Amino acid sequence: NRCRQQAMPPAESNTPLLPKVAEAPTDSTGKENDCRLLVIEDNCDIAAYIGSLFADHCAIFYADNGKEGLKKALDLVPDLIITDLMMPGMDGLEVCRQVRRNEIINHIPIIVVTAKITEEERIEGIEAGADAYLSKPFSAEELTTRAEQLLAGRRLLQEKFAKVSVELKKGEEHPAELTKEREADLRFLAKVTSVVHAQLSRNKNADVSAIASSMCMSPRQFHRKINALTGYSPSVYIQHLKIKRACNMLDKYPKMGLGDVAEQCGFDSYPNFVRAFKSVRGETPSDYRKQYYT
């Protein structure tokens, strides 16, 4: 999921040439794996201009006020939000605050664009949850570069979260720099892990829709959130959690039968357990046990 745009050649002035738009720009769904960008801007010309910079690589969605933008953010769970600061009703700062307070969308990077900005206002915006500030008029290169930097940072966190959440050995702690940087994301993944383990303990099955419901999310919101944090689909991520649980059981109960381990970890058959285990670990459960207990 990349959201990259080639830098536009510098214009003679800093003011971008905005396309003339007769009416509000319309959403473009893009391809299935395209980055999703939400533009919250009450000026149709500026909204269309921002969208045009990312149109080749992103699915673009628009909202002309903060309230509608927040509603779309919750529905779409986009990869990036670019919002104006000064808007009627809910302004850009309140959008930032509401996004950061909501567990479904609090991981999304936010760029705020504004016609005027003082140092005090910039600090207020960062405290509200903005990741970057750009002053109007801004250059195409400045905006697209900043967007790509934020998305690249998110991809790096994806890799770290995927490893931290499913590969830590028993007793190891989360890296301090991760805990400090994205505590909310780690708390969310820890909550998902707890819900999965609770389901496995109750009925030996981990159903994605039921897990999403337990997290107070729709299945689509849950899919977007898990994918944004880890790079995995929910079903793949849950499979990794089940294999991690199996490893813990193999470590803790060296005499437990492998079939019993498979059942306790939510696999409907031993062959499926072996295939999943080998897919994740690169070895069979019996090889894993031999490695540590021979």
C-alpha atoms as a PDB file:
ATOM      1  CA  ASN A   1       0.000   0.000   0.000  1.00  0.00           C
ATOM      2  CA  ARG A   2       2.036   2.924  -1.231  1.00  0.00           C
ATOM      3  CA  CYS A   3       0.851   6.472  -1.603  1.00  0.00           C
ATOM      4  CA  ARG A   4       3.625   8.045  -3.628  1.00  0.00           C
ATOM      5  CA  GLN A   5       3.512  10.872  -6.132  1.00  0.00           C
ATOM      6  CA  GLN A   6       6.344  12.133  -8.311  1.00  0.00           C
ATOM      7  CA  ALA A   7       7.376  15.639  -7.375  1.00  0.00           C
ATOM      8  CA  MET A   8       5.888  18.288  -9.633  1.00  0.00           C
ATOM      9  CA  PRO A   9       8.284  20.723 -11.318  1.00  0.00           C
ATOM     10  CA  PRO A  10       8.604  23.959  -9.351  1.00  0.00           C
ATOM     11  CA  ALA A  11       6.256  26.712 -10.393  1.00  0.00           C
ATOM     12  CA  GLU A  12       7.342  30.298 -10.822  1.00  0.00           C
ATOM     13  CA  SER A  13       5.568  31.209  -7.597  1.00  0.00           C
ATOM     14  CA  ASN A  14       4.797  29.273  -4.436  1.00  0.00           C
ATOM     15  CA  THR A  15       1.068  29.406  -5.069  1.00  0.00           C
ATOM     16  CA  PRO A  16      -0.210  26.195  -6.692  1.00  0.00           C
ATOM     17  CA  LEU A  17      -2.358  26.440  -9.776  1.00  0.00           C
ATOM     18  CA  LEU A  18      -5.633  25.056  -8.517  1.00  0.00           C
ATOM     19  CA  PRO A  19      -7.968  23.222 -10.885  1.00  0.00           C
ATOM     20  CA  LYS A  20     -11.262  24.982 -11.447  1.00  0.00           C
ATOM     21  CA  VAL A  21     -13.955  22.848  -9.871  1.00  0.00           C
ATOM     22  CA  ALA A  22     -17.616  23.541 -10.482  1.00  0.00           C
ATOM     23  CA  GLU A  23     -18.771  21.258  -7.682  1.00  0.00           C
ATOM     24  CA  ALA A  24     -17.365  19.182  -4.854  1.00  0.00           C
ATOM     25  CA  PRO A  25     -14.942  16.445  -6.005  1.00  0.00           C
ATOM     26  CA  THR A  26     -16.260  12.900  -5.840  1.00  0.00           C
ATOM     27  CA  ASP A  27     -14.739   9.882  -4.136  1.00  0.00           C
ATOM     28  CA  SER A  28     -12.611   7.506  -6.199  1.00  0.00           C
ATOM     29  CA  THR A  29     -12.477   3.929  -4.965  1.00  0.00           C
ATOM     30  CA  GLY A  30      -9.172   3.038  -6.661  1.00  0.00           C
ATOM     31  CA  LYS A  31      -7.790  -0.496  -6.698  1.00  0.00           C
ATOM     32  CA  GLU A  32      -8.247  -2.961  -3.858  1.00  0.00           C
ATOM     33  CA  ASN A  33      -4.736  -2.549  -2.441  1.00  0.00           C
ATOM     34  CA  ASP A  34      -4.414   1.190  -3.024  1.00  0.00           C
ATOM     35  CA  CYS A  35      -3.641   3.488  -0.136  1.00  0.00           C
ATOM     36  CA  ARG A  36      -6.799   5.192   1.154  1.00  0.00           C
ATOM     37  CA  LEU A  37      -6.573   8.957   1.563  1.00  0.00           C
ATOM     38  CA  LEU A  38      -9.270  11.046   3.238  1.00  0.00           C
ATOM     39  CA  VAL A  39      -9.230  14.767   2.378  1.00  0.00           C
ATOM     40  CA  ILE A  40     -11.241  16.989   4.738  1.00  0.00           C
ATOM     41  CA  GLU A  41     -11.449  20.429   3.138  1.00  0.00           C
ATOM     42  CA  ASP A  42     -14.333  22.872   2.686  1.00  0.00           C
ATOM     43  CA  ASN A  43     -12.763  24.563  -0.350  1.00  0.00           C
ATOM     44  CA  CYS A  44     -13.622  22.469  -3.418  1.00  0.00           C
ATOM     45  CA  ASP A  45     -10.687  23.759  -5.474  1.00  0.00           C
ATOM     46  CA  ILE A  46      -8.114  22.961  -2.799  1.00  0.00           C
ATOM     47  CA  ALA A  47      -9.692  19.569  -2.080  1.00  0.00           C
ATOM     48  CA  ALA A  48      -9.579  18.649  -5.773  1.00  0.00           C
ATOM     49  CA  TYR A  49      -5.981  19.871  -6.037  1.00  0.00           C
ATOM     50  CA  ILE A  50      -4.860  17.741  -3.082  1.00  0.00           C
ATOM     51  CA  GLY A  51      -6.696  14.732  -4.477  1.00  0.00           C
ATOM     52  CA  SER A  52      -5.079  15.178  -7.891  1.00  0.00           C
ATOM     53  CA  LEU A  53      -1.604  14.871  -6.349  1.00  0.00           C
ATOM     54  CA  PHE A  54      -2.340  11.356  -5.099  1.00  0.00           C
ATOM     55  CA  ALA A  55      -4.860  10.116  -7.675  1.00  0.00           C
ATOM     56  CA  ASP A  56      -2.435   7.746  -9.435  1.00  0.00           C
ATOM     57  CA  HIS A  57      -1.631   5.808  -6.287  1.00  0.00           C
ATOM     58  CA  CYS A  58      -4.519   6.261  -3.874  1.00  0.00           C
ATOM     59  CA  ALA A  59      -8.223   5.822  -3.481  1.00  0.00           C
ATOM     60  CA  ILE A  60      -9.339   9.361  -2.606  1.00  0.00           C
ATOM     61  CA  PHE A  61     -12.290  10.192  -0.372  1.00  0.00           C
ATOM     62  CA  TYR A  62     -13.557  13.684   0.416  1.00  0.00           C
ATOM     63  CA  ALA A  63     -15.455  15.455   3.179  1.00  0.00           C
ATOM     64  CA  ASP A  64     -16.229  19.175   3.240  1.00  0.00           C
ATOM     65  CA  ASN A  65     -16.472  19.543   7.014  1.00  0.00           C
ATOM     66  CA  GLY A  66     -15.013  18.012  10.140  1.00  0.00           C
ATOM     67  CA  LYS A  67     -18.140  16.176  11.242  1.00  0.00           C
ATOM     68  CA  GLU A  68     -18.567  14.443   7.893  1.00  0.00           C
ATOM     69  CA  GLY A  69     -14.832  13.780   7.784  1.00  0.00           C
ATOM     70  CA  LEU A  70     -14.885  12.023  11.142  1.00  0.00           C
ATOM     71  CA  LYS A  71     -17.864   9.932  10.034  1.00  0.00           C
ATOM     72  CA  LYS A  72     -16.043   8.883   6.849  1.00  0.00           C
ATOM     73  CA  ALA A  73     -12.866   8.144   8.794  1.00  0.00           C
ATOM     74  CA  LEU A  74     -14.767   5.716  11.018  1.00  0.00           C
ATOM     75  CA  ASP A  75     -16.448   4.089   8.032  1.00  0.00           C
ATOM     76  CA  LEU A  76     -13.384   3.819   5.783  1.00  0.00           C
ATOM     77  CA  VAL A  77     -10.480   3.608   8.271  1.00  0.00           C
ATOM     78  CA  PRO A  78      -8.164   5.326   5.749  1.00  0.00           C
ATOM     79  CA  ASP A  79      -4.366   5.122   5.676  1.00  0.00           C
ATOM     80  CA  LEU A  80      -3.889   8.899   5.841  1.00  0.00           C
ATOM     81  CA  ILE A  81      -5.982  11.970   6.637  1.00  0.00           C
ATOM     82  CA  ILE A  82      -5.251  15.432   5.233  1.00  0.00           C
ATOM     83  CA  THR A  83      -7.460  18.054   6.857  1.00  0.00           C
ATOM     84  CA  ASP A  84      -7.913  21.799   6.707  1.00  0.00           C
ATOM     85  CA  LEU A  85      -7.612  23.626  10.009  1.00  0.00           C
ATOM     86  CA  MET A  86     -10.250  26.342   9.666  1.00  0.00           C
ATOM     87  CA  MET A  87     -13.658  24.848   8.884  1.00  0.00           C
ATOM     88  CA  PRO A  88     -17.184  25.668  10.037  1.00  0.00           C
ATOM     89  CA  GLY A  89     -18.489  23.526  12.871  1.00  0.00           C
ATOM     90  CA  MET A  90     -15.851  20.965  13.781  1.00  0.00           C
ATOM     91  CA  ASP A  91     -12.431  22.376  12.865  1.00  0.00           C
ATOM     92  CA  GLY A  92      -9.250  20.483  12.055  1.00  0.00           C
ATOM     93  CA  LEU A  93      -7.995  20.498  15.635  1.00  0.00           C
ATOM     94  CA  GLU A  94     -11.164  18.865  16.894  1.00  0.00           C
ATOM     95  CA  VAL A  95     -10.930  16.307  14.085  1.00  0.00           C
ATOM     96  CA  CYS A  96      -7.442  15.430  15.358  1.00  0.00           C
ATOM     97  CA  ARG A  97      -8.669  15.130  18.937  1.00  0.00           C
ATOM     98  CA  GLN A  98     -11.637  12.948  18.003  1.00  0.00           C
ATOM     99  CA  VAL A  99      -9.485  10.665  15.845  1.00  0.00           C
ATOM    100  CA  ARG A 100      -6.924  10.179  18.609  1.00  0.00           C
ATOM    101  CA  ARG A 101      -9.645   9.369  21.150  1.00  0.00           C
ATOM    102  CA  ASN A 102     -11.218   6.649  19.015  1.00  0.00           C
ATOM    103  CA  GLU A 103      -9.622   3.201  19.155  1.00  0.00           C
ATOM    104  CA  ILE A 104     -10.814   2.322  15.664  1.00  0.00           C
ATOM    105  CA  ILE A 105      -8.919   5.140  13.935  1.00  0.00           C
ATOM    106  CA  ASN A 106      -6.354   6.487  16.416  1.00  0.00           C
ATOM    107  CA  HIS A 107      -3.458   4.959  14.460  1.00  0.00           C
ATOM    108  CA  ILE A 108      -4.064   7.045  11.307  1.00  0.00           C
ATOM    109  CA  PRO A 109      -1.440   9.710  10.452  1.00  0.00           C
ATOM    110  CA  ILE A 110      -2.887  13.224  10.090  1.00  0.00           C
ATOM    111  CA  ILE A 111      -1.552  16.166   8.076  1.00  0.00           C
ATOM    112  CA  VAL A 112      -3.096  19.561   8.853  1.00  0.00           C
ATOM    113  CA  VAL A 113      -3.020  22.305   6.220  1.00  0.00           C
ATOM    114  CA  THR A 114      -3.811  25.876   7.175  1.00  0.00           C
ATOM    115  CA  ALA A 115      -3.615  29.394   5.766  1.00  0.00           C
ATOM    116  CA  LYS A 116      -2.132  30.785   8.948  1.00  0.00           C
ATOM    117  CA  ILE A 117      -0.081  29.200  11.672  1.00  0.00           C
ATOM    118  CA  THR A 118       1.772  30.572  14.671  1.00  0.00           C
ATOM    119  CA  GLU A 119       4.201  28.589  16.790  1.00  0.00           C
ATOM    120  CA  GLU A 120       1.601  28.442  19.551  1.00  0.00           C
ATOM    121  CA  GLU A 121      -1.026  27.093  17.133  1.00  0.00           C
ATOM    122  CA  ARG A 122       1.430  24.536  15.775  1.00  0.00           C
ATOM    123  CA  ILE A 123       2.121  23.248  19.277  1.00  0.00           C
ATOM    124  CA  GLU A 124      -1.615  23.117  19.969  1.00  0.00           C
ATOM    125  CA  GLY A 125      -2.090  21.049  16.823  1.00  0.00           C
ATOM    126  CA  ILE A 126       0.647  18.586  17.733  1.00  0.00           C
ATOM    127  CA  GLU A 127      -0.901  18.221  21.190  1.00  0.00           C
ATOM    128  CA  ALA A 128      -4.260  17.550  19.518  1.00  0.00           C
ATOM    129  CA  GLY A 129      -2.727  14.687  17.542  1.00  0.00           C
ATOM    130  CA  ALA A 130      -1.558  16.168  14.224  1.00  0.00           C
ATOM    131  CA  ASP A 131       1.532  14.476  12.777  1.00  0.00           C
ATOM    132  CA  ALA A 132       2.466  17.314  10.430  1.00  0.00           C
ATOM    133  CA  TYR A 133       1.525  20.906   9.640  1.00  0.00           C
ATOM    134  CA  LEU A 134       1.736  22.569   6.225  1.00  0.00           C
ATOM    135  CA  SER A 135       1.022  26.237   5.590  1.00  0.00           C
ATOM    136  CA  LYS A 136      -0.970  27.351   2.565  1.00  0.00           C
ATOM    137  CA  PRO A 137       0.191  27.851  -0.091  1.00  0.00           C
ATOM    138  CA  PHE A 138       2.139  24.588  -0.030  1.00  0.00           C
ATOM    139  CA  SER A 139       4.039  22.950  -2.867  1.00  0.00           C
ATOM    140  CA  ALA A 140       3.000  19.620  -4.339  1.00  0.00           C
ATOM    141  CA  GLU A 141       6.417  18.177  -3.546  1.00  0.00           C
ATOM    142  CA  GLU A 142       6.242  19.252   0.085  1.00  0.00           C
ATOM    143  CA  LEU A 143       2.840  17.655   0.631  1.00  0.00           C
ATOM    144  CA  THR A 144       3.524  14.392  -1.199  1.00  0.00           C
ATOM    145  CA  THR A 145       6.929  13.993   0.442  1.00  0.00           C
ATOM    146  CA  ARG A 146       5.503  14.529   3.909  1.00  0.00           C
ATOM    147  CA  ALA A 147       2.679  12.094   3.189  1.00  0.00           C
ATOM    148  CA  GLU A 148       5.108   9.421   2.015  1.00  0.00           C
ATOM    149  CA  GLN A 149       7.291   9.941   5.089  1.00  0.00           C
ATOM    150  CA  LEU A 150       4.333   9.386   7.389  1.00  0.00           C
ATOM    151  CA  LEU A 151       3.180   6.308   5.487  1.00  0.00           C
ATOM    152  CA  ALA A 152       6.717   4.902   5.436  1.00  0.00           C
ATOM    153  CA  GLY A 153       6.860   5.383   9.194  1.00  0.00           C
ATOM    154  CA  ARG A 154       3.571   3.555   9.540  1.00  0.00           C
ATOM    155  CA  ARG A 155       4.894   0.662   7.426  1.00  0.00           C
ATOM    156  CA  LEU A 156       7.962   0.426   9.666  1.00  0.00           C
ATOM    157  CA  LEU A 157       5.724   0.289  12.731  1.00  0.00           C
ATOM    158  CA  GLN A 158       3.659  -2.373  10.957  1.00  0.00           C
ATOM    159  CA  GLU A 159       6.705  -4.627  10.737  1.00  0.00           C
ATOM    160  CA  LYS A 160       7.640  -3.997  14.365  1.00  0.00           C
ATOM    161  CA  PHE A 161       4.128  -4.536  15.685  1.00  0.00           C
ATOM    162  CA  ALA A 162       3.709  -7.746  13.699  1.00  0.00           C
ATOM    163  CA  LYS A 163       6.914  -9.107  15.199  1.00  0.00           C
ATOM    164  CA  VAL A 164       6.301  -7.842  18.725  1.00  0.00           C
ATOM    165  CA  SER A 165       2.722  -9.065  18.925  1.00  0.00           C
ATOM    166  CA  VAL A 166       3.246 -12.631  17.699  1.00  0.00           C
ATOM    167  CA  GLU A 167       6.922 -13.545  18.081  1.00  0.00           C
ATOM    168  CA  LEU A 168       8.062 -12.485  21.564  1.00  0.00           C
ATOM    169  CA  LYS A 169       9.154 -15.355  23.764  1.00  0.00           C
ATOM    170  CA  LYS A 170       7.534 -15.863  27.127  1.00  0.00           C
ATOM    171  CA  GLY A 171       8.761 -13.326  29.681  1.00  0.00           C
ATOM    172  CA  GLU A 172      10.174 -10.865  27.148  1.00  0.00           C
ATOM    173  CA  GLU A 173       9.037  -7.275  27.302  1.00  0.00           C
ATOM    174  CA  HIS A 174       7.890  -4.987  24.527  1.00  0.00           C
ATOM    175  CA  PRO A 175      10.765  -2.808  23.301  1.00  0.00           C
ATOM    176  CA  ALA A 176      10.759   0.468  25.229  1.00  0.00           C
ATOM    177  CA  GLU A 177      10.864   2.618  22.114  1.00  0.00           C
ATOM    178  CA  LEU A 178       7.746   0.934  20.739  1.00  0.00           C
ATOM    179  CA  THR A 179       5.842   1.199  23.992  1.00  0.00           C
ATOM    180  CA  LYS A 180       6.669   4.884  24.251  1.00  0.00           C
ATOM    181  CA  GLU A 181       5.901   5.668  20.617  1.00  0.00           C
ATOM    182  CA  ARG A 182       2.619   3.861  20.080  1.00  0.00           C
ATOM    183  CA  GLU A 183       1.252   2.662  23.395  1.00  0.00           C
ATOM    184  CA  ALA A 184      -2.345   2.834  22.165  1.00  0.00           C
ATOM    185  CA  ASP A 185      -1.590   0.515  19.234  1.00  0.00           C
ATOM    186  CA  LEU A 186       0.111  -2.021  21.470  1.00  0.00           C
ATOM    187  CA  ARG A 187      -2.773  -1.890  23.937  1.00  0.00           C
ATOM    188  CA  PHE A 188      -5.202  -2.569  21.097  1.00  0.00           C
ATOM    189  CA  LEU A 189      -3.216  -5.592  19.886  1.00  0.00           C
ATOM    190  CA  ALA A 190      -2.942  -6.873  23.451  1.00  0.00           C
ATOM    191  CA  LYS A 191      -6.717  -6.585  23.778  1.00  0.00           C
ATOM    192  CA  VAL A 192      -7.212  -8.502  20.523  1.00  0.00           C
ATOM    193  CA  THR A 193      -4.897 -11.226  21.819  1.00  0.00           C
ATOM    194  CA  SER A 194      -6.904 -11.477  25.041  1.00  0.00           C
ATOM    195  CA  VAL A 195     -10.183 -11.743  23.114  1.00  0.00           C
ATOM    196  CA  VAL A 196      -8.756 -14.462  20.840  1.00  0.00           C
ATOM    197  CA  HIS A 197      -7.466 -16.467  23.808  1.00  0.00           C
ATOM    198  CA  ALA A 198     -10.803 -16.093  25.606  1.00  0.00           C
ATOM    199  CA  GLN A 199     -12.656 -17.424  22.557  1.00  0.00           C
ATOM    200  CA  LEU A 200     -10.260 -20.346  22.247  1.00  0.00           C
ATOM    201  CA  SER A 201     -10.730 -21.179  25.926  1.00  0.00           C
ATOM    202  CA  ARG A 202     -14.536 -21.070  25.645  1.00  0.00           C
ATOM    203  CA  ASN A 203     -15.284 -22.819  22.392  1.00  0.00           C
ATOM    204  CA  LYS A 204     -11.948 -23.719  20.769  1.00  0.00           C
ATOM    205  CA  ASN A 205     -12.706 -21.393  17.874  1.00  0.00           C
ATOM    206  CA  ALA A 206     -11.665 -17.850  16.972  1.00  0.00           C
ATOM    207  CA  ASP A 207     -14.262 -16.234  14.732  1.00  0.00           C
ATOM    208  CA  VAL A 208     -13.236 -12.946  13.102  1.00  0.00           C
ATOM    209  CA  SER A 209     -16.736 -11.441  13.173  1.00  0.00           C
ATOM    210  CA  ALA A 210     -17.179 -12.329  16.844  1.00  0.00           C
ATOM    211  CA  ILE A 211     -13.773 -10.864  17.694  1.00  0.00           C
ATOM    212  CA  ALA A 212     -14.615  -7.661  15.815  1.00  0.00           C
ATOM    213  CA  SER A 213     -17.880  -7.429  17.736  1.00  0.00           C
ATOM    214  CA  SER A 214     -16.021  -7.896  21.022  1.00  0.00           C
ATOM    215  CA  MET A 215     -13.773  -4.991  20.014  1.00  0.00           C
ATOM    216  CA  CYS A 216     -16.879  -2.853  19.276  1.00  0.00           C
ATOM    217  CA  MET A 217     -16.031  -2.726  15.576  1.00  0.00           C
ATOM    218  CA  SER A 218     -17.625  -3.829  12.354  1.00  0.00           C
ATOM    219  CA  PRO A 219     -15.784  -6.632  10.513  1.00  0.00           C
ATOM    220  CA  ARG A 220     -14.598  -4.094   7.913  1.00  0.00           C
ATOM    221  CA  GLN A 221     -13.301  -1.674  10.543  1.00  0.00           C
ATOM    222  CA  PHE A 222     -11.532  -4.531  12.316  1.00  0.00           C
ATOM    223  CA  HIS A 223      -9.944  -5.707   9.067  1.00  0.00           C
ATOM    224  CA  ARG A 224      -8.675  -2.211   8.233  1.00  0.00           C
ATOM    225  CA  LYS A 225      -7.320  -1.661  11.756  1.00  0.00           C
ATOM    226  CA  ILE A 226      -5.481  -4.979  12.021  1.00  0.00           C
ATOM    227  CA  ASN A 227      -4.070  -4.624   8.511  1.00  0.00           C
ATOM    228  CA  ALA A 228      -2.919  -1.067   9.225  1.00  0.00           C
ATOM    229  CA  LEU A 229      -1.136  -2.097  12.413  1.00  0.00           C
ATOM    230  CA  THR A 230       0.413  -5.413  11.360  1.00  0.00           C
ATOM    231  CA  GLY A 231       0.184  -5.779   7.585  1.00  0.00           C
ATOM    232  CA  TYR A 232      -1.806  -8.994   8.092  1.00  0.00           C
ATOM    233  CA  SER A 233      -5.451  -9.744   7.433  1.00  0.00           C
ATOM    234  CA  PRO A 234      -7.357 -10.601  10.637  1.00  0.00           C
ATOM    235  CA  SER A 235      -7.497 -14.308   9.750  1.00  0.00           C
ATOM    236  CA  VAL A 236      -3.729 -14.483   9.163  1.00  0.00           C
ATOM    237  CA  TYR A 237      -2.995 -12.455  12.284  1.00  0.00           C
ATOM    238  CA  ILE A 238      -5.253 -14.709  14.369  1.00  0.00           C
ATOM    239  CA  GLN A 239      -3.510 -17.762  12.935  1.00  0.00           C
ATOM    240  CA  HIS A 240      -0.180 -16.314  14.093  1.00  0.00           C
ATOM    241  CA  LEU A 241      -1.641 -15.803  17.569  1.00  0.00           C
ATOM    242  CA  LYS A 242      -2.892 -19.397  17.617  1.00  0.00           C
ATOM    243  CA  ILE A 243       0.551 -20.702  16.651  1.00  0.00           C
ATOM    244  CA  LYS A 244       2.156 -18.530  19.318  1.00  0.00           C
ATOM    245  CA  ARG A 245      -0.285 -20.024  21.823  1.00  0.00           C
ATOM    246  CA  ALA A 246       0.665 -23.496  20.584  1.00  0.00           C
ATOM    247  CA  CYS A 247       4.366 -22.744  21.083  1.00  0.00           C
ATOM    248  CA  ASN A 248       3.684 -21.570  24.616  1.00  0.00           C
ATOM    249  CA  MET A 249       1.767 -24.770  25.353  1.00  0.00           C
ATOM    250  CA  LEU A 250       4.509 -26.935  23.849  1.00  0.00           C
ATOM    251  CA  ASP A 251       7.021 -25.117  26.060  1.00  0.00           C
ATOM    252  CA  LYS A 252       4.902 -25.347  29.206  1.00  0.00           C
ATOM    253  CA  TYR A 253       3.512 -28.874  28.773  1.00  0.00           C
ATOM    254  CA  PRO A 254       6.202 -31.019  27.121  1.00  0.00           C
ATOM    255  CA  LYS A 255       4.180 -34.208  27.645  1.00  0.00           C
ATOM    256  CA  MET A 256       0.871 -32.937  26.249  1.00  0.00           C
ATOM    257  CA  GLY A 257      -0.170 -34.715  23.073  1.00  0.00           C
ATOM    258  CA  LEU A 258       0.162 -32.706  19.877  1.00  0.00           C
ATOM    259  CA  GLY A 259      -3.457 -33.428  18.992  1.00  0.00           C
ATOM    260  CA  ASP A 260      -4.551 -31.936  22.309  1.00  0.00           C
ATOM    261  CA  VAL A 261      -2.416 -28.862  21.670  1.00  0.00           C
ATOM    262  CA  ALA A 262      -4.041 -28.479  18.256  1.00  0.00           C
ATOM    263  CA  GLU A 263      -7.527 -28.678  19.782  1.00  0.00           C
ATOM    264  CA  GLN A 264      -6.699 -26.214  22.572  1.00  0.00           C
ATOM    265  CA  CYS A 265      -5.433 -23.732  19.977  1.00  0.00           C
ATOM    266  CA  GLY A 266      -8.568 -23.792  17.852  1.00  0.00           C
ATOM    267  CA  PHE A 267      -7.616 -26.137  15.012  1.00  0.00           C
ATOM    268  CA  ASP A 268     -10.319 -28.483  13.774  1.00  0.00           C
ATOM    269  CA  SER A 269      -7.850 -31.190  12.748  1.00  0.00           C
ATOM    270  CA  TYR A 270      -4.267 -32.171  13.456  1.00  0.00           C
ATOM    271  CA  PRO A 271      -3.184 -31.964   9.769  1.00  0.00           C
ATOM    272  CA  ASN A 272      -4.474 -28.372   9.584  1.00  0.00           C
ATOM    273  CA  PHE A 273      -2.531 -27.580  12.756  1.00  0.00           C
ATOM    274  CA  VAL A 274       0.682 -29.006  11.295  1.00  0.00           C
ATOM    275  CA  ARG A 275       0.257 -27.074   8.036  1.00  0.00           C
ATOM    276  CA  ALA A 276      -0.440 -23.812   9.848  1.00  0.00           C
ATOM    277  CA  PHE A 277       2.421 -24.334  12.292  1.00  0.00           C
ATOM    278  CA  LYS A 278       4.896 -25.039   9.508  1.00  0.00           C
ATOM    279  CA  SER A 279       3.637 -22.062   7.499  1.00  0.00           C
ATOM    280  CA  VAL A 280       4.282 -19.707  10.419  1.00  0.00           C
ATOM    281  CA  ARG A 281       7.319 -21.291  12.084  1.00  0.00           C
ATOM    282  CA  GLY A 282       9.006 -23.066   9.176  1.00  0.00           C
ATOM    283  CA  GLU A 283       8.987 -26.372  11.097  1.00  0.00           C
ATOM    284  CA  THR A 284       6.463 -28.916  12.325  1.00  0.00           C
ATOM    285  CA  PRO A 285       5.204 -28.998  15.931  1.00  0.00           C
ATOM    286  CA  SER A 286       7.122 -32.212  16.582  1.00  0.00           C
ATOM    287  CA  ASP A 287      10.330 -30.669  15.224  1.00  0.00           C
ATOM    288  CA  TYR A 288       9.760 -27.629  17.432  1.00  0.00           C
ATOM    289  CA  ARG A 289       9.354 -29.847  20.491  1.00  0.00           C
ATOM    290  CA  LYS A 290      12.440 -31.923  19.641  1.00  0.00           C
ATOM    291  CA  GLN A 291      14.496 -28.775  19.210  1.00  0.00           C
ATOM    292  CA  TYR A 292      13.802 -27.636  22.757  1.00  0.00           C
ATOM    293  CA  TYR A 293      13.457 -30.942  24.606  1.00  0.00           C
ATOM    294  CA  THR A 294      16.147 -33.248  23.246  1.00  0.00           C
END
